[in-house]
N, C-alpha and C. Protein backbone atom coordinates (compact mmCIF):
# COMPACT_ATOMS: atom_id res chain seq x y z
N MET A 1 15.70 -1.54 -6.15
CA MET A 1 14.66 -1.60 -5.14
C MET A 1 15.03 -0.63 -4.03
N SER A 2 14.12 0.30 -3.75
CA SER A 2 14.40 1.26 -2.69
C SER A 2 13.10 1.64 -2.00
N TYR A 3 13.23 1.95 -0.70
CA TYR A 3 12.05 2.34 0.05
C TYR A 3 12.45 3.25 1.20
N PHE A 4 11.46 3.95 1.74
CA PHE A 4 11.63 4.83 2.89
C PHE A 4 10.64 4.36 3.94
N LEU A 5 11.11 4.09 5.14
CA LEU A 5 10.28 3.43 6.17
C LEU A 5 10.20 4.25 7.46
N TRP A 6 8.98 4.34 7.99
CA TRP A 6 8.75 4.79 9.36
C TRP A 6 8.23 3.56 10.10
N GLU A 7 8.98 3.00 11.02
CA GLU A 7 8.53 1.80 11.72
C GLU A 7 7.33 2.09 12.62
N GLU A 8 7.24 3.30 13.14
CA GLU A 8 6.11 3.70 13.99
C GLU A 8 5.54 5.00 13.46
N GLY A 9 5.09 5.00 12.22
CA GLY A 9 4.60 6.22 11.59
C GLY A 9 3.22 6.66 12.07
N VAL A 10 2.39 5.70 12.45
CA VAL A 10 1.02 5.98 12.90
C VAL A 10 0.83 5.26 14.23
N SER A 11 0.24 5.93 15.20
CA SER A 11 0.06 5.31 16.52
C SER A 11 -0.89 4.13 16.44
N HIS A 12 -0.74 3.21 17.39
CA HIS A 12 -1.62 2.04 17.46
C HIS A 12 -3.06 2.48 17.66
N LYS A 13 -3.27 3.51 18.47
CA LYS A 13 -4.63 4.01 18.71
C LYS A 13 -5.26 4.53 17.43
N GLU A 14 -4.49 5.30 16.63
CA GLU A 14 -5.01 5.82 15.36
C GLU A 14 -5.29 4.69 14.37
N CYS A 15 -4.41 3.69 14.33
CA CYS A 15 -4.65 2.54 13.45
C CYS A 15 -5.96 1.86 13.79
N GLN A 16 -6.17 1.58 15.10
CA GLN A 16 -7.39 0.91 15.51
C GLN A 16 -8.61 1.77 15.23
N SER A 17 -8.49 3.08 15.40
CA SER A 17 -9.60 3.99 15.11
C SER A 17 -10.00 3.93 13.64
N ILE A 18 -9.03 3.83 12.74
CA ILE A 18 -9.33 3.73 11.31
C ILE A 18 -10.03 2.40 11.01
N ILE A 19 -9.52 1.32 11.58
CA ILE A 19 -10.17 0.01 11.39
C ILE A 19 -11.60 0.06 11.89
N ASP A 20 -11.81 0.59 13.10
CA ASP A 20 -13.15 0.66 13.68
C ASP A 20 -14.08 1.50 12.81
N GLU A 21 -13.58 2.60 12.27
CA GLU A 21 -14.40 3.48 11.44
C GLU A 21 -14.86 2.82 10.15
N TYR A 22 -14.01 1.98 9.57
CA TYR A 22 -14.29 1.44 8.24
C TYR A 22 -14.60 -0.06 8.19
N LYS A 23 -14.53 -0.78 9.29
CA LYS A 23 -14.66 -2.24 9.24
C LYS A 23 -16.04 -2.71 8.74
N ASP A 24 -17.07 -1.90 8.90
CA ASP A 24 -18.42 -2.31 8.49
C ASP A 24 -18.87 -1.69 7.17
N VAL A 25 -17.96 -1.00 6.46
CA VAL A 25 -18.34 -0.41 5.17
C VAL A 25 -18.40 -1.50 4.11
N SER A 26 -18.89 -1.14 2.97
CA SER A 26 -18.99 -2.09 1.86
C SER A 26 -17.63 -2.27 1.20
N PHE A 27 -17.14 -3.50 1.20
CA PHE A 27 -15.88 -3.85 0.53
C PHE A 27 -16.19 -4.57 -0.77
N LYS A 28 -15.29 -4.42 -1.74
CA LYS A 28 -15.41 -5.12 -3.02
C LYS A 28 -14.14 -5.92 -3.24
N GLU A 29 -14.22 -6.91 -4.13
CA GLU A 29 -13.04 -7.69 -4.46
C GLU A 29 -11.98 -6.81 -5.10
N GLY A 30 -10.74 -6.97 -4.65
CA GLY A 30 -9.63 -6.24 -5.26
C GLY A 30 -9.44 -6.70 -6.70
N GLN A 31 -9.10 -5.79 -7.58
CA GLN A 31 -8.98 -6.09 -9.00
C GLN A 31 -7.53 -5.97 -9.44
N THR A 32 -7.19 -6.67 -10.52
CA THR A 32 -5.91 -6.51 -11.22
C THR A 32 -6.25 -6.33 -12.69
N GLY A 33 -5.24 -6.00 -13.47
CA GLY A 33 -5.46 -5.84 -14.92
C GLY A 33 -6.01 -7.10 -15.55
N SER A 34 -5.54 -8.25 -15.06
CA SER A 34 -5.98 -9.53 -15.65
C SER A 34 -7.14 -10.15 -14.89
N ASN A 35 -7.42 -9.65 -13.68
CA ASN A 35 -8.42 -10.24 -12.79
C ASN A 35 -8.23 -11.72 -12.57
N ASP A 36 -6.97 -12.14 -12.51
CA ASP A 36 -6.60 -13.53 -12.26
C ASP A 36 -6.64 -13.81 -10.77
N PRO A 37 -7.52 -14.72 -10.28
CA PRO A 37 -7.62 -14.99 -8.86
C PRO A 37 -6.36 -15.62 -8.28
N LYS A 38 -5.44 -16.08 -9.14
CA LYS A 38 -4.16 -16.60 -8.65
C LYS A 38 -3.19 -15.48 -8.29
N VAL A 39 -3.53 -14.23 -8.70
CA VAL A 39 -2.66 -13.08 -8.44
C VAL A 39 -3.10 -12.32 -7.19
N ARG A 40 -4.42 -12.21 -7.01
CA ARG A 40 -4.93 -11.37 -5.92
C ARG A 40 -6.21 -11.92 -5.34
N ASN A 41 -6.28 -11.92 -3.99
CA ASN A 41 -7.50 -12.30 -3.30
C ASN A 41 -7.60 -11.45 -2.03
N ASN A 42 -8.23 -10.29 -2.18
CA ASN A 42 -8.47 -9.44 -1.00
C ASN A 42 -9.65 -8.52 -1.29
N LEU A 43 -10.06 -7.79 -0.28
CA LEU A 43 -11.18 -6.88 -0.38
C LEU A 43 -10.68 -5.45 -0.27
N VAL A 44 -11.36 -4.53 -0.94
CA VAL A 44 -10.94 -3.12 -0.91
C VAL A 44 -12.15 -2.20 -0.72
N HIS A 45 -11.87 -1.05 -0.13
CA HIS A 45 -12.83 0.03 -0.01
C HIS A 45 -12.07 1.32 -0.34
N TRP A 46 -12.69 2.18 -1.11
CA TRP A 46 -12.03 3.43 -1.55
C TRP A 46 -12.42 4.57 -0.63
N ILE A 47 -11.43 5.35 -0.21
CA ILE A 47 -11.63 6.48 0.70
C ILE A 47 -11.45 7.76 -0.09
N GLU A 48 -12.28 8.74 0.18
CA GLU A 48 -12.29 10.02 -0.55
C GLU A 48 -10.91 10.67 -0.61
N THR A 49 -10.59 11.27 -1.74
CA THR A 49 -9.29 11.91 -1.93
C THR A 49 -9.12 13.15 -1.08
N ASN A 50 -10.19 13.78 -0.67
CA ASN A 50 -10.06 15.00 0.15
C ASN A 50 -10.20 14.71 1.64
N SER A 51 -10.14 13.43 2.04
CA SER A 51 -10.27 13.08 3.45
C SER A 51 -8.99 13.45 4.21
N LEU A 52 -9.12 13.57 5.51
CA LEU A 52 -7.97 13.85 6.37
C LEU A 52 -6.95 12.72 6.27
N ILE A 53 -7.40 11.50 6.17
CA ILE A 53 -6.50 10.35 6.02
C ILE A 53 -5.65 10.52 4.76
N ALA A 54 -6.28 10.83 3.65
CA ALA A 54 -5.55 10.97 2.38
C ALA A 54 -4.53 12.10 2.48
N ARG A 55 -4.92 13.21 3.04
CA ARG A 55 -3.98 14.35 3.16
C ARG A 55 -2.80 14.01 4.05
N ALA A 56 -3.05 13.29 5.14
CA ALA A 56 -1.95 12.88 6.03
C ALA A 56 -1.03 11.89 5.34
N MET A 57 -1.60 10.94 4.60
CA MET A 57 -0.78 9.97 3.88
C MET A 57 0.10 10.66 2.84
N PHE A 58 -0.46 11.65 2.17
CA PHE A 58 0.31 12.35 1.14
C PHE A 58 1.52 13.07 1.75
N GLN A 59 1.38 13.52 3.00
CA GLN A 59 2.51 14.19 3.65
C GLN A 59 3.68 13.21 3.86
N PHE A 60 3.38 11.94 4.18
CA PHE A 60 4.44 10.92 4.27
C PHE A 60 5.15 10.79 2.92
N ILE A 61 4.36 10.73 1.85
CA ILE A 61 4.95 10.59 0.51
C ILE A 61 5.83 11.79 0.18
N LEU A 62 5.34 12.99 0.46
CA LEU A 62 6.12 14.19 0.17
C LEU A 62 7.42 14.21 0.96
N GLU A 63 7.37 13.82 2.22
CA GLU A 63 8.59 13.78 3.03
C GLU A 63 9.58 12.77 2.48
N ALA A 64 9.12 11.56 2.16
CA ALA A 64 10.03 10.54 1.60
C ALA A 64 10.59 10.99 0.27
N ASN A 65 9.74 11.60 -0.56
CA ASN A 65 10.19 12.06 -1.86
C ASN A 65 11.24 13.16 -1.71
N ASN A 66 11.01 14.09 -0.80
CA ASN A 66 11.95 15.19 -0.58
C ASN A 66 13.30 14.69 -0.06
N LYS A 67 13.27 13.70 0.83
CA LYS A 67 14.51 13.20 1.43
C LYS A 67 15.23 12.17 0.57
N TYR A 68 14.47 11.44 -0.27
CA TYR A 68 15.08 10.26 -0.87
C TYR A 68 14.87 10.13 -2.38
N PHE A 69 13.64 10.15 -2.85
CA PHE A 69 13.36 9.82 -4.25
C PHE A 69 13.61 10.97 -5.21
N LYS A 70 13.19 12.17 -4.84
CA LYS A 70 13.38 13.37 -5.66
C LYS A 70 12.62 13.35 -6.99
N TYR A 71 11.44 12.76 -7.02
CA TYR A 71 10.60 12.73 -8.21
C TYR A 71 9.75 13.98 -8.31
N ILE A 72 9.26 14.27 -9.50
CA ILE A 72 8.27 15.33 -9.66
C ILE A 72 6.91 14.69 -9.35
N ILE A 73 6.27 15.16 -8.28
CA ILE A 73 4.98 14.63 -7.83
C ILE A 73 3.96 15.74 -7.94
N ASP A 74 2.84 15.45 -8.64
CA ASP A 74 1.78 16.45 -8.83
C ASP A 74 0.54 16.22 -7.98
N GLY A 75 0.38 15.03 -7.43
CA GLY A 75 -0.83 14.73 -6.69
C GLY A 75 -0.87 13.26 -6.32
N TYR A 76 -2.08 12.79 -6.02
CA TYR A 76 -2.22 11.40 -5.60
C TYR A 76 -3.58 10.85 -6.04
N GLU A 77 -3.66 9.54 -6.08
CA GLU A 77 -4.90 8.85 -6.41
C GLU A 77 -5.69 8.56 -5.13
N GLN A 78 -6.89 8.10 -5.31
CA GLN A 78 -7.77 7.77 -4.19
C GLN A 78 -7.14 6.71 -3.29
N VAL A 79 -7.34 6.83 -1.99
CA VAL A 79 -6.79 5.90 -1.02
C VAL A 79 -7.58 4.60 -1.04
N GLN A 80 -6.84 3.50 -0.95
CA GLN A 80 -7.45 2.17 -0.91
C GLN A 80 -7.27 1.59 0.48
N LEU A 81 -8.37 1.22 1.11
CA LEU A 81 -8.33 0.43 2.35
C LEU A 81 -8.41 -1.02 1.92
N SER A 82 -7.39 -1.80 2.26
CA SER A 82 -7.36 -3.22 1.89
C SER A 82 -7.63 -4.09 3.10
N LYS A 83 -8.38 -5.14 2.87
CA LYS A 83 -8.68 -6.12 3.91
C LYS A 83 -8.28 -7.49 3.40
N TYR A 84 -7.40 -8.14 4.14
CA TYR A 84 -6.96 -9.50 3.79
C TYR A 84 -7.48 -10.44 4.89
N GLU A 85 -8.41 -11.32 4.49
CA GLU A 85 -8.93 -12.30 5.44
C GLU A 85 -8.18 -13.62 5.21
N ILE A 86 -8.58 -14.67 5.86
CA ILE A 86 -7.90 -15.96 5.70
C ILE A 86 -7.80 -16.31 4.22
N ASP A 87 -6.61 -16.69 3.80
CA ASP A 87 -6.23 -16.99 2.42
C ASP A 87 -6.16 -15.75 1.52
N GLY A 88 -6.30 -14.56 2.10
CA GLY A 88 -6.17 -13.35 1.33
C GLY A 88 -4.70 -13.04 1.06
N PHE A 89 -4.40 -12.58 -0.15
CA PHE A 89 -3.02 -12.31 -0.55
C PHE A 89 -3.03 -11.39 -1.77
N TYR A 90 -1.85 -10.92 -2.14
CA TYR A 90 -1.63 -10.21 -3.40
C TYR A 90 -0.23 -10.60 -3.84
N ASP A 91 -0.14 -11.45 -4.86
CA ASP A 91 1.13 -12.00 -5.30
C ASP A 91 2.04 -10.91 -5.89
N TRP A 92 3.24 -11.29 -6.29
CA TRP A 92 4.21 -10.33 -6.82
C TRP A 92 3.60 -9.46 -7.91
N HIS A 93 3.78 -8.14 -7.76
CA HIS A 93 3.27 -7.19 -8.73
C HIS A 93 3.98 -5.85 -8.58
N LYS A 94 3.79 -5.00 -9.55
CA LYS A 94 4.25 -3.61 -9.52
C LYS A 94 3.02 -2.73 -9.54
N ASP A 95 3.14 -1.54 -8.96
CA ASP A 95 1.99 -0.62 -8.92
C ASP A 95 2.00 0.38 -10.07
N ALA A 96 3.01 0.32 -10.92
CA ALA A 96 3.06 1.24 -12.07
C ALA A 96 1.89 0.98 -12.99
N VAL A 97 1.29 2.06 -13.47
CA VAL A 97 0.16 1.95 -14.40
C VAL A 97 0.59 2.61 -15.70
N HIS A 98 0.42 1.87 -16.78
CA HIS A 98 0.78 2.42 -18.10
C HIS A 98 -0.35 3.28 -18.61
N THR A 99 -0.01 4.45 -19.14
CA THR A 99 -1.01 5.36 -19.67
C THR A 99 -0.92 5.40 -21.17
N ASN A 100 -1.95 5.90 -21.79
CA ASN A 100 -2.02 5.92 -23.26
C ASN A 100 -1.33 7.11 -23.90
N THR A 101 -1.18 8.18 -23.16
CA THR A 101 -0.57 9.37 -23.76
C THR A 101 0.56 9.87 -22.89
N GLU A 102 1.45 10.65 -23.46
CA GLU A 102 2.56 11.22 -22.70
C GLU A 102 2.08 12.30 -21.73
N LEU A 103 0.87 12.80 -21.92
CA LEU A 103 0.36 13.87 -21.07
C LEU A 103 -0.28 13.36 -19.79
N GLU A 104 -0.73 12.11 -19.77
CA GLU A 104 -1.36 11.56 -18.58
C GLU A 104 -0.32 11.33 -17.50
N PRO A 105 -0.65 11.66 -16.23
CA PRO A 105 0.31 11.38 -15.15
C PRO A 105 0.45 9.88 -14.93
N VAL A 106 1.59 9.49 -14.36
CA VAL A 106 1.85 8.09 -14.06
C VAL A 106 2.08 7.93 -12.57
N ARG A 107 1.86 6.72 -12.08
CA ARG A 107 2.16 6.42 -10.69
C ARG A 107 3.68 6.40 -10.53
N LYS A 108 4.16 7.08 -9.51
CA LYS A 108 5.60 7.13 -9.25
C LYS A 108 5.95 6.50 -7.90
N LEU A 109 5.21 6.86 -6.87
CA LEU A 109 5.48 6.33 -5.54
C LEU A 109 4.22 5.72 -4.97
N ALA A 110 4.40 4.66 -4.17
CA ALA A 110 3.30 4.02 -3.46
C ALA A 110 3.59 4.10 -1.98
N LEU A 111 2.54 4.13 -1.19
CA LEU A 111 2.65 4.15 0.26
C LEU A 111 1.73 3.06 0.82
N SER A 112 2.21 2.33 1.81
CA SER A 112 1.40 1.33 2.49
C SER A 112 1.54 1.50 3.99
N ILE A 113 0.42 1.45 4.69
CA ILE A 113 0.40 1.52 6.14
C ILE A 113 -0.25 0.24 6.66
N ASN A 114 0.44 -0.46 7.55
CA ASN A 114 -0.15 -1.63 8.18
C ASN A 114 -0.97 -1.16 9.38
N LEU A 115 -2.28 -1.34 9.30
CA LEU A 115 -3.17 -0.88 10.37
C LEU A 115 -3.38 -1.91 11.47
N SER A 116 -3.18 -3.18 11.16
CA SER A 116 -3.56 -4.25 12.09
C SER A 116 -2.49 -4.55 13.12
N ASP A 117 -2.96 -4.88 14.31
CA ASP A 117 -2.09 -5.36 15.39
C ASP A 117 -1.57 -6.75 14.96
N PRO A 118 -0.25 -6.98 14.97
CA PRO A 118 0.28 -8.27 14.52
C PRO A 118 -0.21 -9.44 15.36
N GLU A 119 -0.72 -9.18 16.55
CA GLU A 119 -1.28 -10.27 17.38
C GLU A 119 -2.64 -10.71 16.87
N SER A 120 -3.27 -9.92 15.98
CA SER A 120 -4.63 -10.23 15.52
C SER A 120 -4.66 -11.06 14.23
N TYR A 121 -3.49 -11.35 13.66
CA TYR A 121 -3.45 -12.15 12.43
C TYR A 121 -2.09 -12.82 12.28
N GLU A 122 -2.05 -13.84 11.42
CA GLU A 122 -0.80 -14.51 11.08
C GLU A 122 -0.66 -14.50 9.58
N GLY A 123 0.58 -14.49 9.11
CA GLY A 123 0.84 -14.39 7.68
C GLY A 123 0.70 -12.93 7.27
N GLY A 124 0.38 -12.71 6.01
CA GLY A 124 0.13 -11.36 5.53
C GLY A 124 1.34 -10.45 5.47
N GLU A 125 2.54 -11.03 5.42
CA GLU A 125 3.75 -10.22 5.39
C GLU A 125 3.82 -9.43 4.09
N PHE A 126 4.23 -8.17 4.20
CA PHE A 126 4.44 -7.29 3.05
C PHE A 126 5.91 -7.41 2.68
N GLU A 127 6.20 -7.85 1.44
CA GLU A 127 7.58 -8.10 1.05
C GLU A 127 7.94 -7.43 -0.26
N PHE A 128 9.24 -7.11 -0.38
CA PHE A 128 9.82 -6.62 -1.63
C PHE A 128 10.71 -7.71 -2.20
N PHE A 129 10.76 -7.78 -3.54
CA PHE A 129 11.73 -8.63 -4.22
C PHE A 129 12.90 -7.76 -4.59
N ASP A 130 14.08 -8.12 -4.10
CA ASP A 130 15.26 -7.30 -4.39
C ASP A 130 16.29 -8.03 -5.25
N GLY A 131 15.88 -9.14 -5.87
CA GLY A 131 16.78 -9.87 -6.76
C GLY A 131 17.55 -10.97 -6.06
N HIS A 132 17.40 -11.11 -4.76
CA HIS A 132 18.07 -12.15 -4.03
C HIS A 132 17.09 -13.29 -3.72
N ASN A 133 17.60 -14.33 -3.09
CA ASN A 133 16.76 -15.50 -2.79
C ASN A 133 15.71 -15.21 -1.73
N LYS A 134 16.01 -14.35 -0.78
CA LYS A 134 15.08 -14.08 0.32
C LYS A 134 14.48 -12.69 0.16
N PRO A 135 13.17 -12.57 0.02
CA PRO A 135 12.53 -11.25 -0.09
C PRO A 135 12.73 -10.43 1.18
N LEU A 136 12.68 -9.11 1.03
CA LEU A 136 12.80 -8.20 2.17
C LEU A 136 11.42 -7.92 2.76
N ASP A 137 11.32 -7.90 4.08
CA ASP A 137 10.08 -7.60 4.79
C ASP A 137 10.33 -6.38 5.68
N PRO A 138 10.31 -5.17 5.10
CA PRO A 138 10.70 -4.00 5.89
C PRO A 138 9.73 -3.65 7.03
N MET A 139 8.46 -3.99 6.86
CA MET A 139 7.46 -3.58 7.86
C MET A 139 7.35 -4.58 9.00
N LYS A 140 7.76 -5.82 8.76
CA LYS A 140 7.72 -6.89 9.76
C LYS A 140 6.38 -6.93 10.50
N ASN A 141 5.31 -6.66 9.76
CA ASN A 141 3.94 -6.71 10.29
C ASN A 141 3.72 -5.77 11.48
N LYS A 142 4.56 -4.75 11.64
CA LYS A 142 4.39 -3.81 12.76
C LYS A 142 3.18 -2.92 12.51
N GLN A 143 2.32 -2.84 13.51
CA GLN A 143 1.15 -1.95 13.43
C GLN A 143 1.64 -0.52 13.38
N GLY A 144 1.12 0.25 12.41
CA GLY A 144 1.49 1.64 12.27
C GLY A 144 2.72 1.90 11.42
N ALA A 145 3.37 0.83 10.93
CA ALA A 145 4.51 1.01 10.04
C ALA A 145 4.05 1.60 8.72
N VAL A 146 4.83 2.55 8.20
CA VAL A 146 4.53 3.23 6.95
C VAL A 146 5.73 3.06 6.03
N VAL A 147 5.50 2.59 4.81
CA VAL A 147 6.59 2.45 3.86
C VAL A 147 6.18 3.14 2.56
N VAL A 148 7.13 3.91 2.00
CA VAL A 148 6.95 4.56 0.70
C VAL A 148 7.99 3.93 -0.23
N PHE A 149 7.53 3.55 -1.43
CA PHE A 149 8.44 2.85 -2.35
C PHE A 149 8.11 3.22 -3.78
N ASP A 150 9.05 2.93 -4.68
CA ASP A 150 8.90 3.20 -6.11
C ASP A 150 7.85 2.23 -6.68
N CYS A 151 6.95 2.77 -7.48
CA CYS A 151 5.89 1.95 -8.07
C CYS A 151 6.41 0.90 -9.06
N LEU A 152 7.66 1.02 -9.45
CA LEU A 152 8.26 0.03 -10.37
C LEU A 152 8.87 -1.16 -9.63
N ASP A 153 8.84 -1.14 -8.30
CA ASP A 153 9.42 -2.24 -7.51
C ASP A 153 8.41 -3.36 -7.30
N TRP A 154 8.92 -4.60 -7.43
CA TRP A 154 8.09 -5.78 -7.20
C TRP A 154 7.84 -5.93 -5.70
N HIS A 155 6.58 -6.22 -5.33
CA HIS A 155 6.22 -6.43 -3.94
C HIS A 155 5.00 -7.34 -3.88
N ARG A 156 4.74 -7.85 -2.67
CA ARG A 156 3.58 -8.73 -2.49
C ARG A 156 3.11 -8.70 -1.04
N VAL A 157 1.90 -9.23 -0.83
CA VAL A 157 1.39 -9.52 0.51
C VAL A 157 1.16 -11.03 0.54
N LYS A 158 1.87 -11.70 1.44
CA LYS A 158 1.75 -13.15 1.53
C LYS A 158 0.38 -13.52 2.12
N PRO A 159 -0.07 -14.75 1.88
CA PRO A 159 -1.39 -15.17 2.37
C PRO A 159 -1.55 -15.03 3.89
N VAL A 160 -2.70 -14.56 4.29
CA VAL A 160 -3.07 -14.50 5.69
C VAL A 160 -3.56 -15.89 6.08
N ILE A 161 -3.06 -16.41 7.19
CA ILE A 161 -3.46 -17.76 7.60
C ILE A 161 -4.35 -17.76 8.83
N LYS A 162 -4.44 -16.59 9.50
CA LYS A 162 -5.32 -16.48 10.66
C LYS A 162 -5.67 -15.02 10.87
N GLY A 163 -6.94 -14.72 11.15
CA GLY A 163 -7.37 -13.37 11.44
C GLY A 163 -7.57 -12.53 10.18
N SER A 164 -7.53 -11.21 10.34
CA SER A 164 -7.68 -10.26 9.26
C SER A 164 -6.60 -9.20 9.34
N ARG A 165 -6.09 -8.80 8.17
CA ARG A 165 -5.06 -7.76 8.09
C ARG A 165 -5.63 -6.59 7.30
N TYR A 166 -5.57 -5.40 7.88
CA TYR A 166 -6.02 -4.17 7.20
C TYR A 166 -4.80 -3.31 6.88
N SER A 167 -4.85 -2.67 5.71
CA SER A 167 -3.80 -1.71 5.35
C SER A 167 -4.40 -0.58 4.51
N LEU A 168 -3.68 0.53 4.51
CA LEU A 168 -4.04 1.65 3.65
C LEU A 168 -2.97 1.76 2.57
N VAL A 169 -3.41 2.09 1.34
CA VAL A 169 -2.48 2.22 0.22
C VAL A 169 -2.81 3.51 -0.53
N MET A 170 -1.77 4.22 -0.96
CA MET A 170 -1.93 5.43 -1.76
C MET A 170 -0.84 5.45 -2.83
N TRP A 171 -1.17 6.07 -3.97
CA TRP A 171 -0.19 6.22 -5.05
C TRP A 171 -0.04 7.69 -5.39
N ALA A 172 1.21 8.15 -5.44
CA ALA A 172 1.51 9.52 -5.87
C ALA A 172 1.77 9.51 -7.36
N ILE A 173 1.28 10.54 -8.02
CA ILE A 173 1.39 10.62 -9.48
C ILE A 173 2.17 11.85 -9.91
N GLY A 174 2.69 11.77 -11.13
CA GLY A 174 3.44 12.88 -11.69
C GLY A 174 3.65 12.65 -13.17
N PRO A 175 4.36 13.57 -13.84
CA PRO A 175 4.59 13.43 -15.27
C PRO A 175 5.41 12.19 -15.58
N ARG A 176 5.21 11.68 -16.78
CA ARG A 176 5.93 10.48 -17.23
C ARG A 176 7.45 10.72 -17.11
N PHE A 177 8.18 9.67 -16.74
CA PHE A 177 9.64 9.77 -16.69
C PHE A 177 10.17 9.96 -18.09
N LYS A 178 11.21 10.75 -18.23
CA LYS A 178 11.78 11.00 -19.57
C LYS A 178 13.14 10.40 -19.67
């Protein structure tokens, strides 16, 4: 389990601006491969891949990859804006996507940005499972925190018990590991 963290990667003003820009857009239920409601309960909106937000997020991934991961990265997938309302969560999962052919790119790195002010919600902690009894919470619900991590690492968002939590998620892709 490994990650690269910026505790104050995005300003509070920019985080609130993104929430304000997208809070009234059409959200859909978040999906999983199994669509099991015991695994995930949140809302998502997809942001264009050529948006300024996507390009800025990709720069965080490239910096983390250059300094730490050293993977071959060819591009990224569409940005997901996630909204977790009361009882919203995403249980333990990995972001790796299995492809059918050796030529298709695979997800290698994931990025998550906590957009919400921690005073506006309770719960919703973003955690990694590192094989010990207590999961790691690198972001500690800090607004503007940015974390880049390996798509093969187990992680979750604990249930929100008050308010709403917004986050941005991006996945960097590249050739299959050999």
